[in-house]
PDB file of N, CA and C in Angstrom:
ATOM      1  N   MET A   1     -47.054 158.644 -95.867  1.00  0.00           N
ATOM      2  CA  MET A   1     -45.620 158.429 -95.951  1.00  0.00           C
ATOM      3  C   MET A   1     -45.094 159.056 -97.230  1.00  0.00           C
ATOM      4  N   VAL A   2     -44.012 159.788 -97.124  1.00  0.00           N
ATOM      5  CA  VAL A   2     -43.427 160.476 -98.265  1.00  0.00           C
ATOM      6  C   VAL A   2     -42.426 159.554 -98.941  1.00  0.00           C
ATOM      7  N   GLN A   3     -42.575 159.394-100.239  1.00  0.00           N
ATOM      8  CA  GLN A   3     -41.662 158.567-101.023  1.00  0.00           C
ATOM      9  C   GLN A   3     -40.469 159.404-101.467  1.00  0.00           C
ATOM     10  N   PRO A   4     -39.244 158.863-101.368  1.00  0.00           N
ATOM     11  CA  PRO A   4     -38.083 159.595-101.871  1.00  0.00           C
ATOM     12  C   PRO A   4     -38.179 159.750-103.384  1.00  0.00           C
ATOM     13  N   SER A   5     -37.753 160.883-103.867  1.00  0.00           N
ATOM     14  CA  SER A   5     -37.820 161.119-105.306  1.00  0.00           C
ATOM     15  C   SER A   5     -36.728 160.326-106.022  1.00  0.00           C
ATOM     16  N   MET A   6     -36.923 160.164-107.312  1.00  0.00           N
ATOM     17  CA  MET A   6     -35.960 159.442-108.124  1.00  0.00           C
ATOM     18  C   MET A   6     -34.634 160.186-108.178  1.00  0.00           C
ATOM     19  N   ASP A   7     -34.675 161.520-108.071  1.00  0.00           N
ATOM     20  CA  ASP A   7     -33.449 162.313-108.086  1.00  0.00           C
ATOM     21  C   ASP A   7     -32.539 161.947-106.922  1.00  0.00           C
ATOM     22  N   LEU A   8     -33.120 161.648-105.781  1.00  0.00           N
ATOM     23  CA  LEU A   8     -32.334 161.273-104.615  1.00  0.00           C
ATOM     24  C   LEU A   8     -31.569 159.984-104.879  1.00  0.00           C
ATOM     25  N   TYR A   9     -32.217 159.007-105.496  1.00  0.00           N
ATOM     26  CA  TYR A   9     -31.538 157.754-105.827  1.00  0.00           C
ATOM     27  C   TYR A   9     -30.416 157.988-106.829  1.00  0.00           C
ATOM     28  N   VAL A  10     -30.662 158.812-107.816  1.00  0.00           N
ATOM     29  CA  VAL A  10     -29.633 159.123-108.814  1.00  0.00           C
ATOM     30  C   VAL A  10     -28.452 159.813-108.148  1.00  0.00           C
ATOM     31  N   ASN A  11     -28.719 160.745-107.246  1.00  0.00           N
ATOM     32  CA  ASN A  11     -27.640 161.437-106.537  1.00  0.00           C
ATOM     33  C   ASN A  11     -26.782 160.449-105.750  1.00  0.00           C
ATOM     34  N   TYR A  12     -27.423 159.522-105.064  1.00  0.00           N
ATOM     35  CA  TYR A  12     -26.675 158.529-104.303  1.00  0.00           C
ATOM     36  C   TYR A  12     -25.874 157.605-105.208  1.00  0.00           C
ATOM     37  N   LEU A  13     -26.424 157.237-106.340  1.00  0.00           N
ATOM     38  CA  LEU A  13     -25.698 156.390-107.287  1.00  0.00           C
ATOM     39  C   LEU A  13     -24.489 157.115-107.863  1.00  0.00           C
ATOM     40  N   VAL A  14     -24.635 158.397-108.162  1.00  0.00           N
ATOM     41  CA  VAL A  14     -23.502 159.181-108.660  1.00  0.00           C
ATOM     42  C   VAL A  14     -22.421 159.269-107.586  1.00  0.00           C
ATOM     43  N   LEU A  15     -22.816 159.534-106.357  1.00  0.00           N
ATOM     44  CA  LEU A  15     -21.855 159.595-105.254  1.00  0.00           C
ATOM     45  C   LEU A  15     -21.143 158.256-105.074  1.00  0.00           C
ATOM     46  N   LEU A  16     -21.880 157.174-105.130  1.00  0.00           N
ATOM     47  CA  LEU A  16     -21.283 155.850-105.002  1.00  0.00           C
ATOM     48  C   LEU A  16     -20.315 155.574-106.149  1.00  0.00           C
ATOM     49  N   ALA A  17     -20.697 155.934-107.370  1.00  0.00           N
ATOM     50  CA  ALA A  17     -19.834 155.699-108.527  1.00  0.00           C
ATOM     51  C   ALA A  17     -18.531 156.486-108.418  1.00  0.00           C
ATOM     52  N   VAL A  18     -18.613 157.741-108.015  1.00  0.00           N
ATOM     53  CA  VAL A  18     -17.407 158.558-107.868  1.00  0.00           C
ATOM     54  C   VAL A  18     -16.530 158.020-106.744  1.00  0.00           C
ATOM     55  N   THR A  19     -17.138 157.592-105.657  1.00  0.00           N
ATOM     56  CA  THR A  19     -16.384 157.026-104.537  1.00  0.00           C
ATOM     57  C   THR A  19     -15.675 155.747-104.953  1.00  0.00           C
ATOM     58  N   LEU A  20     -16.359 154.879-105.662  1.00  0.00           N
ATOM     59  CA  LEU A  20     -15.735 153.634-106.114  1.00  0.00           C
ATOM     60  C   LEU A  20     -14.629 153.897-107.121  1.00  0.00           C
ATOM     61  N   LEU A  21     -14.802 154.886-107.987  1.00  0.00           N
ATOM     62  CA  LEU A  21     -13.749 155.258-108.932  1.00  0.00           C
ATOM     63  C   LEU A  21     -12.520 155.749-108.183  1.00  0.00           C
ATOM     64  N   ALA A  22     -12.707 156.601-107.186  1.00  0.00           N
ATOM     65  CA  ALA A  22     -11.582 157.086-106.385  1.00  0.00           C
ATOM     66  C   ALA A  22     -10.904 155.935-105.648  1.00  0.00           C
ATOM     67  N   LEU A  23     -11.682 154.991-105.166  1.00  0.00           N
ATOM     68  CA  LEU A  23     -11.129 153.836-104.474  1.00  0.00           C
ATOM     69  C   LEU A  23     -10.277 152.988-105.428  1.00  0.00           C
ATOM     70  N   VAL A  24     -10.760 152.762-106.628  1.00  0.00           N
ATOM     71  CA  VAL A  24     -10.011 151.970-107.608  1.00  0.00           C
ATOM     72  C   VAL A  24      -8.704 152.681-107.981  1.00  0.00           C
ATOM     73  N   LEU A  25      -8.768 153.998-108.204  1.00  0.00           N
ATOM     74  CA  LEU A  25      -7.553 154.750-108.524  1.00  0.00           C
ATOM     75  C   LEU A  25      -6.564 154.714-107.359  1.00  0.00           C
ATOM     76  N   SER A  26      -7.057 154.829-106.145  1.00  0.00           N
ATOM     77  CA  SER A  26      -6.192 154.759-104.964  1.00  0.00           C
ATOM     78  C   SER A  26      -5.518 153.398-104.868  1.00  0.00           C
ATOM     79  N   LEU A  27      -6.273 152.346-105.093  1.00  0.00           N
ATOM     80  CA  LEU A  27      -5.693 151.001-105.046  1.00  0.00           C
ATOM     81  C   LEU A  27      -4.645 150.802-106.134  1.00  0.00           C
ATOM     82  N   ALA A  28      -4.857 151.383-107.305  1.00  0.00           N
ATOM     83  CA  ALA A  28      -3.870 151.280-108.380  1.00  0.00           C
ATOM     84  C   ALA A  28      -2.563 151.971-107.994  1.00  0.00           C
ATOM     85  N   ILE A  29      -2.652 153.142-107.369  1.00  0.00           N
ATOM     86  CA  ILE A  29      -1.454 153.864-106.934  1.00  0.00           C
ATOM     87  C   ILE A  29      -0.735 153.081-105.836  1.00  0.00           C
ATOM     88  N   VAL A  30      -1.486 152.558-104.881  1.00  0.00           N
ATOM     89  CA  VAL A  30      -0.890 151.769-103.795  1.00  0.00           C
ATOM     90  C   VAL A  30      -0.225 150.521-104.350  1.00  0.00           C
ATOM     91  N   PHE A  31      -0.863 149.885-105.311  1.00  0.00           N
ATOM     92  CA  PHE A  31      -0.290 148.685-105.920  1.00  0.00           C
ATOM     93  C   PHE A  31       1.041 148.999-106.588  1.00  0.00           C
ATOM     94  N   GLN A  32       1.121 150.122-107.288  1.00  0.00           N
ATOM     95  CA  GLN A  32       2.378 150.506-107.935  1.00  0.00           C
ATOM     96  C   GLN A  32       3.469 150.794-106.905  1.00  0.00           C
ATOM     97  N   ALA A  33       3.109 151.448-105.800  1.00  0.00           N
ATOM     98  CA  ALA A  33       4.096 151.709-104.747  1.00  0.00           C
ATOM     99  C   ALA A  33       4.579 150.392-104.141  1.00  0.00           C
ATOM    100  N   TYR A  34       3.669 149.462-103.930  1.00  0.00           N
ATOM    101  CA  TYR A  34       4.049 148.167-103.374  1.00  0.00           C
ATOM    102  C   TYR A  34       4.932 147.399-104.353  1.00  0.00           C
ATOM    103  N   ARG A  35       4.634 147.476-105.637  1.00  0.00           N
ATOM    104  CA  ARG A  35       5.490 146.833-106.645  1.00  0.00           C
ATOM    105  C   ARG A  35       6.889 147.433-106.627  1.00  0.00           C
ATOM    106  N   GLY A  36       6.965 148.758-106.432  1.00  0.00           N
ATOM    107  CA  GLY A  36       8.268 149.402-106.322  1.00  0.00           C
ATOM    108  C   GLY A  36       9.048 148.896-105.121  1.00  0.00           C
ATOM    109  N   TYR A  37       8.345 148.681-104.020  1.00  0.00           N
ATOM    110  CA  TYR A  37       8.994 148.120-102.837  1.00  0.00           C
ATOM    111  C   TYR A  37       9.518 146.712-103.124  1.00  0.00           C
ATOM    112  N   ARG A  38       8.700 145.883-103.726  1.00  0.00           N
ATOM    113  CA  ARG A  38       9.108 144.498-103.982  1.00  0.00           C
ATOM    114  C   ARG A  38      10.243 144.426-104.989  1.00  0.00           C
ATOM    115  N   ARG A  39      10.230 145.305-105.968  1.00  0.00           N
ATOM    116  CA  ARG A  39      11.260 145.287-107.000  1.00  0.00           C
ATOM    117  C   ARG A  39      12.612 145.735-106.430  1.00  0.00           C
ATOM    118  N   ASN A  40      12.601 146.785-105.605  1.00  0.00           N
ATOM    119  CA  ASN A  40      13.852 147.376-105.118  1.00  0.00           C
ATOM    120  C   ASN A  40      14.153 147.061-103.660  1.00  0.00           C
ATOM    121  N   ARG A  41      13.237 146.398-102.965  1.00  0.00           N
ATOM    122  CA  ARG A  41      13.386 146.129-101.528  1.00  0.00           C
ATOM    123  C   ARG A  41      13.688 147.415-100.760  1.00  0.00           C
ATOM    124  N   SER A  42      12.971 148.455-101.111  1.00  0.00           N
ATOM    125  CA  SER A  42      13.171 149.769-100.510  1.00  0.00           C
ATOM    126  C   SER A  42      12.161 149.980 -99.384  1.00  0.00           C
ATOM    127  N   GLN A  43      12.652 150.078 -98.145  1.00  0.00           N
ATOM    128  CA  GLN A  43      11.783 150.310 -96.998  1.00  0.00           C
ATOM    129  C   GLN A  43      10.985 151.605 -97.134  1.00  0.00           C
ATOM    130  N   PRO A  44      11.593 152.709 -97.606  1.00  0.00           N
ATOM    131  CA  PRO A  44      10.792 153.932 -97.766  1.00  0.00           C
ATOM    132  C   PRO A  44       9.600 153.734 -98.710  1.00  0.00           C
ATOM    133  N   MET A  45       9.768 152.916 -99.747  1.00  0.00           N
ATOM    134  CA  MET A  45       8.660 152.666-100.669  1.00  0.00           C
ATOM    135  C   MET A  45       7.549 151.883 -99.983  1.00  0.00           C
ATOM    136  N   LEU A  46       7.911 150.984 -99.079  1.00  0.00           N
ATOM    137  CA  LEU A  46       6.899 150.248 -98.316  1.00  0.00           C
ATOM    138  C   LEU A  46       6.125 151.204 -97.411  1.00  0.00           C
ATOM    139  N   TRP A  47       6.827 152.112 -96.730  1.00  0.00           N
ATOM    140  CA  TRP A  47       6.146 153.090 -95.875  1.00  0.00           C
ATOM    141  C   TRP A  47       5.264 154.019 -96.699  1.00  0.00           C
ATOM    142  N   LEU A  48       5.712 154.329 -97.911  1.00  0.00           N
ATOM    143  CA  LEU A  48       4.878 155.142 -98.800  1.00  0.00           C
ATOM    144  C   LEU A  48       3.593 154.402 -99.151  1.00  0.00           C
ATOM    145  N   ALA A  49       3.699 153.122 -99.462  1.00  0.00           N
ATOM    146  CA  ALA A  49       2.510 152.329 -99.793  1.00  0.00           C
ATOM    147  C   ALA A  49       1.561 152.237 -98.599  1.00  0.00           C
ATOM    148  N   VAL A  50       2.102 152.008 -97.412  1.00  0.00           N
ATOM    149  CA  VAL A  50       1.264 151.931 -96.203  1.00  0.00           C
ATOM    150  C   VAL A  50       0.575 153.272 -95.963  1.00  0.00           C
ATOM    151  N   GLY A  51       1.324 154.357 -96.094  1.00  0.00           N
ATOM    152  CA  GLY A  51       0.743 155.688 -95.909  1.00  0.00           C
ATOM    153  C   GLY A  51      -0.362 155.981 -96.897  1.00  0.00           C
ATOM    154  N   LEU A  52      -0.150 155.590 -98.145  1.00  0.00           N
ATOM    155  CA  LEU A  52      -1.184 155.815 -99.158  1.00  0.00           C
ATOM    156  C   LEU A  52      -2.434 154.988 -98.888  1.00  0.00           C
ATOM    157  N   VAL A  53      -2.259 153.764 -98.406  1.00  0.00           N
ATOM    158  CA  VAL A  53      -3.422 152.946 -98.052  1.00  0.00           C
ATOM    159  C   VAL A  53      -4.217 153.633 -96.946  1.00  0.00           C
ATOM    160  N   LEU A  54      -3.499 154.093 -95.919  1.00  0.00           N
ATOM    161  CA  LEU A  54      -4.179 154.732 -94.789  1.00  0.00           C
ATOM    162  C   LEU A  54      -4.794 156.071 -95.177  1.00  0.00           C
ATOM    163  N   LEU A  55      -4.194 156.745 -96.111  1.00  0.00           N
ATOM    164  CA  LEU A  55      -4.676 158.064 -96.506  1.00  0.00           C
ATOM    165  C   LEU A  55      -5.844 157.995 -97.491  1.00  0.00           C
ATOM    166  N   THR A  56      -5.858 156.986 -98.341  1.00  0.00           N
ATOM    167  CA  THR A  56      -6.858 156.970 -99.407  1.00  0.00           C
ATOM    168  C   THR A  56      -7.866 155.835 -99.291  1.00  0.00           C
ATOM    169  N   VAL A  57      -7.403 154.624 -99.106  1.00  0.00           N
ATOM    170  CA  VAL A  57      -8.295 153.463 -99.166  1.00  0.00           C
ATOM    171  C   VAL A  57      -9.110 153.289 -97.889  1.00  0.00           C
ATOM    172  N   VAL A  58      -8.458 153.340 -96.739  1.00  0.00           N
ATOM    173  CA  VAL A  58      -9.136 153.043 -95.475  1.00  0.00           C
ATOM    174  C   VAL A  58     -10.296 154.006 -95.189  1.00  0.00           C
ATOM    175  N   PRO A  59     -10.134 155.333 -95.356  1.00  0.00           N
ATOM    176  CA  PRO A  59     -11.291 156.215 -95.119  1.00  0.00           C
ATOM    177  C   PRO A  59     -12.484 155.918 -96.035  1.00  0.00           C
ATOM    178  N   PHE A  60     -12.214 155.552 -97.296  1.00  0.00           N
ATOM    179  CA  PHE A  60     -13.310 155.183 -98.190  1.00  0.00           C
ATOM    180  C   PHE A  60     -14.034 153.949 -97.678  1.00  0.00           C
ATOM    181  N   VAL A  61     -13.265 152.954 -97.265  1.00  0.00           N
ATOM    182  CA  VAL A  61     -13.867 151.711 -96.786  1.00  0.00           C
ATOM    183  C   VAL A  61     -14.681 151.959 -95.514  1.00  0.00           C
ATOM    184  N   ILE A  62     -14.141 152.770 -94.612  1.00  0.00           N
ATOM    185  CA  ILE A  62     -14.879 153.089 -93.380  1.00  0.00           C
ATOM    186  C   ILE A  62     -16.180 153.805 -93.719  1.00  0.00           C
ATOM    187  N   SER A  63     -16.113 154.794 -94.586  1.00  0.00           N
ATOM    188  CA  SER A  63     -17.312 155.554 -94.948  1.00  0.00           C
ATOM    189  C   SER A  63     -18.367 154.672 -95.603  1.00  0.00           C
ATOM    190  N   LEU A  64     -17.940 153.835 -96.539  1.00  0.00           N
ATOM    191  CA  LEU A  64     -18.893 152.951 -97.206  1.00  0.00           C
ATOM    192  C   LEU A  64     -19.486 151.934 -96.236  1.00  0.00           C
ATOM    193  N   THR A  65     -18.665 151.397 -95.351  1.00  0.00           N
ATOM    194  CA  THR A  65     -19.145 150.406 -94.391  1.00  0.00           C
ATOM    195  C   THR A  65     -20.147 151.013 -93.417  1.00  0.00           C
ATOM    196  N   VAL A  66     -19.800 152.176 -92.877  1.00  0.00           N
ATOM    197  CA  VAL A  66     -20.699 152.814 -91.916  1.00  0.00           C
ATOM    198  C   VAL A  66     -21.992 153.256 -92.596  1.00  0.00           C
ATOM    199  N   ALA A  67     -21.880 153.766 -93.821  1.00  0.00           N
ATOM    200  CA  ALA A  67     -23.085 154.211 -94.532  1.00  0.00           C
ATOM    201  C   ALA A  67     -24.023 153.049 -94.822  1.00  0.00           C
ATOM    202  N   SER A  68     -23.462 151.901 -95.193  1.00  0.00           N
ATOM    203  CA  SER A  68     -24.332 150.769 -95.522  1.00  0.00           C
ATOM    204  C   SER A  68     -24.822 150.039 -94.275  1.00  0.00           C
ATOM    205  N   ALA A  69     -23.980 149.914 -93.278  1.00  0.00           N
ATOM    206  CA  ALA A  69     -24.386 149.202 -92.068  1.00  0.00           C
ATOM    207  C   ALA A  69     -25.112 150.104 -91.075  1.00  0.00           C
ATOM    208  N   GLY A  70     -24.914 151.393 -91.199  1.00  0.00           N
ATOM    209  CA  GLY A  70     -25.489 152.328 -90.238  1.00  0.00           C
ATOM    210  C   GLY A  70     -26.999 152.336 -90.212  1.00  0.00           C
ATOM    211  N   THR A  71     -27.620 152.226 -91.361  1.00  0.00           N
ATOM    212  CA  THR A  71     -29.078 152.215 -91.385  1.00  0.00           C
ATOM    213  C   THR A  71     -29.627 150.918 -90.792  1.00  0.00           C
ATOM    214  N   ALA A  72     -28.963 149.815 -91.067  1.00  0.00           N
ATOM    215  CA  ALA A  72     -29.426 148.532 -90.534  1.00  0.00           C
ATOM    216  C   ALA A  72     -29.222 148.447 -89.022  1.00  0.00           C
ATOM    217  N   LEU A  73     -28.144 149.060 -88.542  1.00  0.00           N
ATOM    218  CA  LEU A  73     -27.845 148.998 -87.109  1.00  0.00           C
ATOM    219  C   LEU A  73     -28.416 150.180 -86.337  1.00  0.00           C
ATOM    220  N   GLY A  74     -28.977 151.133 -87.040  1.00  0.00           N
ATOM    221  CA  GLY A  74     -29.619 152.269 -86.391  1.00  0.00           C
ATOM    222  C   GLY A  74     -28.657 153.267 -85.768  1.00  0.00           C
ATOM    223  N   PHE A  75     -27.561 153.547 -86.469  1.00  0.00           N
ATOM    224  CA  PHE A  75     -26.624 154.537 -85.953  1.00  0.00           C
ATOM    225  C   PHE A  75     -27.290 155.893 -85.865  1.00  0.00           C
ATOM    226  N   GLY A  76     -26.985 156.625 -84.816  1.00  0.00           N
ATOM    227  CA  GLY A  76     -27.518 157.964 -84.638  1.00  0.00           C
ATOM    228  C   GLY A  76     -26.687 158.998 -85.382  1.00  0.00           C
ATOM    229  N   PRO A  77     -27.162 160.235 -85.398  1.00  0.00           N
ATOM    230  CA  PRO A  77     -26.443 161.299 -86.112  1.00  0.00           C
ATOM    231  C   PRO A  77     -25.048 161.564 -85.566  1.00  0.00           C
ATOM    232  N   VAL A  78     -24.826 161.301 -84.283  1.00  0.00           N
ATOM    233  CA  VAL A  78     -23.511 161.568 -83.707  1.00  0.00           C
ATOM    234  C   VAL A  78     -22.434 160.671 -84.332  1.00  0.00           C
ATOM    235  N   VAL A  79     -22.807 159.483 -84.762  1.00  0.00           N
ATOM    236  CA  VAL A  79     -21.849 158.587 -85.411  1.00  0.00           C
ATOM    237  C   VAL A  79     -21.381 159.193 -86.726  1.00  0.00           C
ATOM    238  N   TYR A  80     -22.342 159.691 -87.521  1.00  0.00           N
ATOM    239  CA  TYR A  80     -22.013 160.259 -88.826  1.00  0.00           C
ATOM    240  C   TYR A  80     -21.354 161.629 -88.712  1.00  0.00           C
ATOM    241  N   ALA A  81     -21.745 162.401 -87.723  1.00  0.00           N
ATOM    242  CA  ALA A  81     -21.255 163.775 -87.605  1.00  0.00           C
ATOM    243  C   ALA A  81     -19.966 163.885 -86.808  1.00  0.00           C
ATOM    244  N   TYR A  82     -19.667 162.917 -85.930  1.00  0.00           N
ATOM    245  CA  TYR A  82     -18.485 163.047 -85.090  1.00  0.00           C
ATOM    246  C   TYR A  82     -17.555 161.837 -85.174  1.00  0.00           C
ATOM    247  N   TYR A  83     -18.057 160.640 -84.869  1.00  0.00           N
ATOM    248  CA  TYR A  83     -17.175 159.484 -84.736  1.00  0.00           C
ATOM    249  C   TYR A  83     -16.521 159.064 -86.053  1.00  0.00           C
ATOM    250  N   VAL A  84     -17.274 158.996 -87.117  1.00  0.00           N
ATOM    251  CA  VAL A  84     -16.689 158.603 -88.406  1.00  0.00           C
ATOM    252  C   VAL A  84     -15.693 159.652 -88.898  1.00  0.00           C
ATOM    253  N   PRO A  85     -16.037 160.948 -88.879  1.00  0.00           N
ATOM    254  CA  PRO A  85     -15.031 161.926 -89.324  1.00  0.00           C
ATOM    255  C   PRO A  85     -13.762 161.934 -88.472  1.00  0.00           C
ATOM    256  N   ILE A  86     -13.899 161.798 -87.156  1.00  0.00           N
ATOM    257  CA  ILE A  86     -12.688 161.831 -86.325  1.00  0.00           C
ATOM    258  C   ILE A  86     -11.859 160.571 -86.536  1.00  0.00           C
ATOM    259  N   LEU A  87     -12.500 159.429 -86.722  1.00  0.00           N
ATOM    260  CA  LEU A  87     -11.763 158.207 -87.022  1.00  0.00           C
ATOM    261  C   LEU A  87     -11.032 158.337 -88.354  1.00  0.00           C
ATOM    262  N   ASN A  88     -11.718 158.860 -89.359  1.00  0.00           N
ATOM    263  CA  ASN A  88     -11.082 159.071 -90.659  1.00  0.00           C
ATOM    264  C   ASN A  88      -9.893 160.020 -90.553  1.00  0.00           C
ATOM    265  N   ARG A  89     -10.044 161.114 -89.821  1.00  0.00           N
ATOM    266  CA  ARG A  89      -8.951 162.081 -89.691  1.00  0.00           C
ATOM    267  C   ARG A  89      -7.753 161.466 -88.965  1.00  0.00           C
ATOM    268  N   LEU A  90      -8.007 160.677 -87.912  1.00  0.00           N
ATOM    269  CA  LEU A  90      -6.906 160.039 -87.189  1.00  0.00           C
ATOM    270  C   LEU A  90      -6.147 159.058 -88.088  1.00  0.00           C
ATOM    271  N   ILE A  91      -6.867 158.302 -88.869  1.00  0.00           N
ATOM    272  CA  ILE A  91      -6.225 157.368 -89.800  1.00  0.00           C
ATOM    273  C   ILE A  91      -5.446 158.132 -90.864  1.00  0.00           C
ATOM    274  N   GLU A  92      -5.988 159.238 -91.345  1.00  0.00           N
ATOM    275  CA  GLU A  92      -5.276 160.057 -92.327  1.00  0.00           C
ATOM    276  C   GLU A  92      -4.004 160.652 -91.733  1.00  0.00           C
ATOM    277  N   VAL A  93      -4.040 161.070 -90.473  1.00  0.00           N
ATOM    278  CA  VAL A  93      -2.845 161.604 -89.812  1.00  0.00           C
ATOM    279  C   VAL A  93      -1.761 160.531 -89.732  1.00  0.00           C
ATOM    280  N   VAL A  94      -2.137 159.319 -89.375  1.00  0.00           N
ATOM    281  CA  VAL A  94      -1.170 158.222 -89.330  1.00  0.00           C
ATOM    282  C   VAL A  94      -0.620 157.948 -90.730  1.00  0.00           C
ATOM    283  N   GLY A  95      -1.487 157.987 -91.750  1.00  0.00           N
ATOM    284  CA  GLY A  95      -1.037 157.799 -93.127  1.00  0.00           C
ATOM    285  C   GLY A  95      -0.066 158.879 -93.574  1.00  0.00           C
ATOM    286  N   LEU A  96      -0.355 160.123 -93.223  1.00  0.00           N
ATOM    287  CA  LEU A  96       0.554 161.220 -93.564  1.00  0.00           C
ATOM    288  C   LEU A  96       1.887 161.066 -92.836  1.00  0.00           C
ATOM    289  N   ALA A  97       1.848 160.605 -91.593  1.00  0.00           N
ATOM    290  CA  ALA A  97       3.084 160.365 -90.847  1.00  0.00           C
ATOM    291  C   ALA A  97       3.919 159.271 -91.512  1.00  0.00           C
ATOM    292  N   CYS A  98       3.261 158.233 -92.017  1.00  0.00           N
ATOM    293  CA  CYS A  98       3.982 157.169 -92.731  1.00  0.00           C
ATOM    294  C   CYS A  98       4.631 157.705 -94.006  1.00  0.00           C
ATOM    295  N   ILE A  99       3.911 158.536 -94.735  1.00  0.00           N
ATOM    296  CA  ILE A  99       4.464 159.118 -95.958  1.00  0.00           C
ATOM    297  C   ILE A  99       5.632 160.035 -95.622  1.00  0.00           C
ATOM    298  N   LEU A 100       5.483 160.834 -94.597  1.00  0.00           N
ATOM    299  CA  LEU A 100       6.572 161.717 -94.176  1.00  0.00           C
ATOM    300  C   LEU A 100       7.796 160.898 -93.762  1.00  0.00           C
ATOM    301  N   TYR A 101       7.571 159.824 -93.035  1.00  0.00           N
ATOM    302  CA  TYR A 101       8.666 158.946 -92.638  1.00  0.00           C
ATOM    303  C   TYR A 101       9.349 158.358 -93.874  1.00  0.00           C
ATOM    304  N   SER A 102       8.564 157.986 -94.872  1.00  0.00           N
ATOM    305  CA  SER A 102       9.148 157.409 -96.083  1.00  0.00           C
ATOM    306  C   SER A 102      10.030 158.422 -96.815  1.00  0.00           C
ATOM    307  N   LEU A 103       9.688 159.685 -96.724  1.00  0.00           N
ATOM    308  CA  LEU A 103      10.466 160.717 -97.409  1.00  0.00           C
ATOM    309  C   LEU A 103      11.762 161.050 -96.685  1.00  0.00           C
ATOM    310  N   TYR A 104      11.774 160.909 -95.353  1.00  0.00           N
ATOM    311  CA  TYR A 104      12.950 161.291 -94.581  1.00  0.00           C
ATOM    312  C   TYR A 104      13.795 160.128 -94.090  1.00  0.00           C
ATOM    313  N   SER A 105      13.327 158.900 -94.262  1.00  0.00           N
ATOM    314  CA  SER A 105      14.104 157.755 -93.792  1.00  0.00           C
ATOM    315  C   SER A 105      15.199 157.401 -94.790  1.00  0.00           C
ATOM    316  N   ARG A 106      16.247 156.775 -94.288  1.00  0.00           N
ATOM    317  CA  ARG A 106      17.352 156.345 -95.127  1.00  0.00           C
ATOM    318  C   ARG A 106      17.075 154.928 -95.632  1.00  0.00           C
ATOM    319  N   PRO A 107      17.318 154.680 -96.902  1.00  0.00           N
ATOM    320  CA  PRO A 107      17.107 153.315 -97.426  1.00  0.00           C
ATOM    321  C   PRO A 107      18.112 152.319 -96.909  1.00  0.00           C
TER     322      PRO A 107
END
């Protein structure tokens, strides 16, 4: 049996750290947009916050969940190569549509 090298573990830890950093930054931006909505009761700001959540936070959560649960549940390569990317892209499209709506809607 071949043992994974220590470099592989370090690579995964670096990837996880960068992903979590991006997730924290995304949540901070979404939180500020939501605060703007609550302060001004601006519907476009709420749609902007929803769009940002769908564009930034949800794909990270899906990727992390599938990556951690996939090995335990025995997901095949088609899940990682097709289903997760297409799900992420569809959610991103909805998020972009929400942001576009926020830019063109009247307050």
